[in-house]
Amino acid sequence: SGTMFNYPLLDQYEWFWRMDSDSFILGDMTEDPFRTMSDNQYIYGYMGLGREDEYLTTGLWDATTQYMTDRGIRETPNQMALYLEEDGTWDRSYFYTNFEIGYIPFFRSEAYQSYFEHLDKQGGFYYYRWGDAPIRLLGVSINSEVDKVKRFDTIPYSHKVYVVLPEG
């Protein structure tokens, strides 16, 4: 969720593209996802959204709101607002990280890394099995705007039961 971005072998790259070993591109791509990301100044691209099981998020929202308070984030960031219930609590959404493209300098930034370090100190990765998918959504949503995140829906893709078959 945080340490992988500081791996020295990534120093020569601006972008990462992660796909699970059981993910597949099902046909020709009509766009270059890296050009799309770069030309539009996106910092994160994903294929789909899910909802995490409640028992896997024990304490995560409390730790996140504490981080925001500690950092002086008083207003809900616009990107974060997309994933909140009416009462202002996180709806447990996550980005499917079986297909994700990210701008490495963003994930190495003090803002993102400080969020990860805050969570790491809480121990939830070990005690509650906090996963990378909800951490990615929360970390991106706290530190970016809606127009910096891209949902890819034109790439023919499959991962287990999740399938995207664009029209045309």
Protein backbone atom coordinates (compact mmCIF):
# COMPACT_ATOMS: atom_id res chain seq x y z
CA SER A 1 0.00 0.00 0.00
CA GLY A 2 2.91 2.34 0.55
CA THR A 3 6.35 0.81 0.70
CA MET A 4 6.29 -0.68 -2.81
CA PHE A 5 6.38 2.79 -4.34
CA ASN A 6 9.77 3.49 -2.78
CA TYR A 7 11.40 0.40 -4.28
CA PRO A 8 14.64 1.60 -5.96
CA LEU A 9 13.99 -0.26 -9.23
CA LEU A 10 11.04 2.09 -9.81
CA ASP A 11 13.32 5.17 -9.73
CA GLN A 12 13.62 5.20 -13.52
CA TYR A 13 9.84 5.18 -14.09
CA GLU A 14 7.03 7.71 -13.80
CA TRP A 15 4.19 5.18 -13.99
CA PHE A 16 3.31 1.74 -12.76
CA TRP A 17 0.71 -0.59 -14.26
CA ARG A 18 -0.37 -3.41 -12.02
CA MET A 19 -2.42 -6.38 -13.14
CA ASP A 20 -2.96 -9.60 -11.23
CA SER A 21 -1.55 -12.79 -12.73
CA ASP A 22 -5.11 -13.96 -13.43
CA SER A 23 -6.11 -10.76 -15.24
CA PHE A 24 -6.41 -10.62 -19.02
CA ILE A 25 -6.64 -8.02 -21.78
CA LEU A 26 -9.30 -9.57 -24.01
CA GLY A 27 -8.62 -7.77 -27.27
CA ASP A 28 -7.14 -4.76 -28.98
CA MET A 29 -6.92 -1.60 -26.93
CA THR A 30 -8.26 1.54 -28.59
CA GLU A 31 -6.19 3.84 -26.38
CA ASP A 32 -2.72 3.94 -24.89
CA PRO A 33 -3.48 4.06 -21.16
CA PHE A 34 -0.16 5.73 -20.32
CA ARG A 35 -0.75 8.48 -22.89
CA THR A 36 -4.28 8.94 -21.56
CA MET A 37 -2.94 9.26 -18.02
CA SER A 38 -0.11 11.62 -18.97
CA ASP A 39 -2.01 13.83 -21.44
CA ASN A 40 -4.83 14.39 -18.93
CA GLN A 41 -2.59 14.70 -15.86
CA TYR A 42 -4.33 11.84 -14.07
CA ILE A 43 -2.54 10.40 -11.06
CA TYR A 44 -4.52 7.16 -10.79
CA GLY A 45 -6.43 4.90 -13.15
CA TYR A 46 -8.57 1.91 -12.27
CA MET A 47 -11.00 -0.50 -13.90
CA GLY A 48 -13.70 -1.06 -11.29
CA LEU A 49 -14.99 -0.42 -7.79
CA GLY A 50 -16.03 -2.81 -5.05
CA ARG A 51 -17.18 -2.77 -1.44
CA GLU A 52 -14.92 -4.24 1.20
CA ASP A 53 -16.28 -6.59 3.85
CA GLU A 54 -16.86 -4.75 7.10
CA TYR A 55 -14.65 -7.04 9.17
CA LEU A 56 -11.69 -6.20 6.89
CA THR A 57 -12.05 -2.47 7.56
CA THR A 58 -12.22 -2.49 11.35
CA GLY A 59 -10.83 0.83 12.55
CA LEU A 60 -9.74 1.99 9.09
CA TRP A 61 -12.21 4.87 8.79
CA ASP A 62 -11.43 6.02 12.34
CA ALA A 63 -7.70 5.98 11.55
CA THR A 64 -8.35 7.89 8.31
CA THR A 65 -10.45 10.60 9.95
CA GLN A 66 -7.82 10.93 12.70
CA TYR A 67 -5.16 11.40 10.02
CA MET A 68 -7.28 14.06 8.31
CA THR A 69 -7.80 15.86 11.63
CA ASP A 70 -4.09 15.69 12.44
CA ARG A 71 -3.25 17.11 8.99
CA GLY A 72 -5.77 19.94 9.30
CA ILE A 73 -8.02 18.60 6.53
CA ARG A 74 -11.30 20.15 7.68
CA GLU A 75 -13.40 19.89 4.55
CA THR A 76 -14.09 16.59 2.85
CA PRO A 77 -12.03 16.41 -0.35
CA ASN A 78 -14.24 16.23 -3.46
CA GLN A 79 -12.84 12.85 -4.50
CA MET A 80 -13.52 11.47 -1.00
CA ALA A 81 -17.10 12.74 -1.03
CA LEU A 82 -17.90 10.24 -3.80
CA TYR A 83 -17.45 7.39 -1.31
CA LEU A 84 -19.26 8.65 1.76
CA GLU A 85 -22.63 7.67 3.18
CA GLU A 86 -25.20 10.36 4.04
CA ASP A 87 -23.90 10.45 7.63
CA GLY A 88 -20.37 11.25 6.39
CA THR A 89 -18.86 7.83 7.01
CA TRP A 90 -16.92 5.95 4.35
CA ASP A 91 -19.05 3.44 2.43
CA ARG A 92 -16.17 0.87 2.31
CA SER A 93 -15.65 1.34 -1.44
CA TYR A 94 -12.33 0.32 -2.94
CA PHE A 95 -10.59 0.47 -6.29
CA TYR A 96 -10.06 -2.96 -7.81
CA THR A 97 -6.27 -3.08 -7.73
CA ASN A 98 -6.15 -6.06 -10.09
CA PHE A 99 -5.89 -3.36 -12.80
CA GLU A 100 -4.42 -0.06 -11.79
CA ILE A 101 -2.12 2.56 -13.26
CA GLY A 102 -0.50 5.13 -11.04
CA TYR A 103 1.79 8.12 -11.21
CA ILE A 104 4.75 7.10 -9.08
CA PRO A 105 5.70 10.64 -7.92
CA PHE A 106 2.21 10.99 -6.41
CA PHE A 107 2.54 7.73 -4.50
CA ARG A 108 6.00 8.74 -3.31
CA SER A 109 4.77 12.16 -2.21
CA GLU A 110 4.85 13.23 1.41
CA ALA A 111 1.06 13.49 1.40
CA TYR A 112 0.44 9.87 0.32
CA GLN A 113 3.36 8.39 2.23
CA SER A 114 2.38 10.18 5.46
CA TYR A 115 -1.10 8.64 5.20
CA PHE A 116 0.39 5.17 4.73
CA GLU A 117 2.81 5.69 7.63
CA HIS A 118 -0.05 6.85 9.86
CA LEU A 119 -2.01 3.70 9.05
CA ASP A 120 1.03 1.50 9.53
CA LYS A 121 1.49 2.88 13.05
CA GLN A 122 -2.11 1.92 13.86
CA GLY A 123 -1.33 -1.76 13.24
CA GLY A 124 -4.45 -2.44 11.17
CA PHE A 125 -2.53 -4.11 8.35
CA TYR A 126 -1.57 -6.82 10.82
CA TYR A 127 -4.49 -6.93 13.24
CA TYR A 128 -7.39 -6.49 10.81
CA ARG A 129 -5.90 -7.35 7.39
CA TRP A 130 -6.40 -3.90 5.91
CA GLY A 131 -5.78 -4.43 2.21
CA ASP A 132 -4.21 -2.36 -0.52
CA ALA A 133 -7.48 -1.76 -2.38
CA PRO A 134 -9.29 0.34 0.27
CA ILE A 135 -6.01 2.03 1.26
CA ARG A 136 -5.47 3.03 -2.35
CA LEU A 137 -8.98 4.51 -2.64
CA LEU A 138 -8.71 6.42 0.63
CA GLY A 139 -5.16 7.64 0.03
CA VAL A 140 -5.95 8.81 -3.49
CA SER A 141 -9.27 10.35 -2.43
CA ILE A 142 -7.77 12.36 0.42
CA ASN A 143 -4.95 13.73 -1.72
CA SER A 144 -6.41 14.36 -5.18
CA GLU A 145 -9.33 15.85 -7.00
CA VAL A 146 -12.01 14.07 -9.03
CA ASP A 147 -10.46 15.18 -12.33
CA LYS A 148 -7.16 13.44 -11.45
CA VAL A 149 -8.64 9.93 -11.32
CA LYS A 150 -9.57 7.93 -14.44
CA ARG A 151 -11.88 4.96 -14.67
CA PHE A 152 -10.89 2.86 -17.67
CA ASP A 153 -13.93 1.42 -19.41
CA THR A 154 -12.72 1.10 -23.00
CA ILE A 155 -10.15 -1.64 -22.45
CA PRO A 156 -11.51 -5.18 -22.93
CA TYR A 157 -10.54 -6.82 -19.67
CA SER A 158 -11.32 -9.69 -17.36
CA HIS A 159 -10.38 -10.75 -13.86
CA LYS A 160 -12.28 -13.74 -12.52
CA VAL A 161 -15.97 -12.75 -12.72
CA TYR A 162 -15.28 -9.04 -13.48
CA VAL A 163 -15.45 -8.46 -17.26
CA VAL A 164 -15.39 -5.25 -19.31
CA LEU A 165 -16.42 -5.55 -22.95
CA PRO A 166 -16.64 -2.08 -24.50
CA GLU A 167 -19.20 -1.54 -27.22
CA GLY A 168 -17.92 -1.23 -30.75
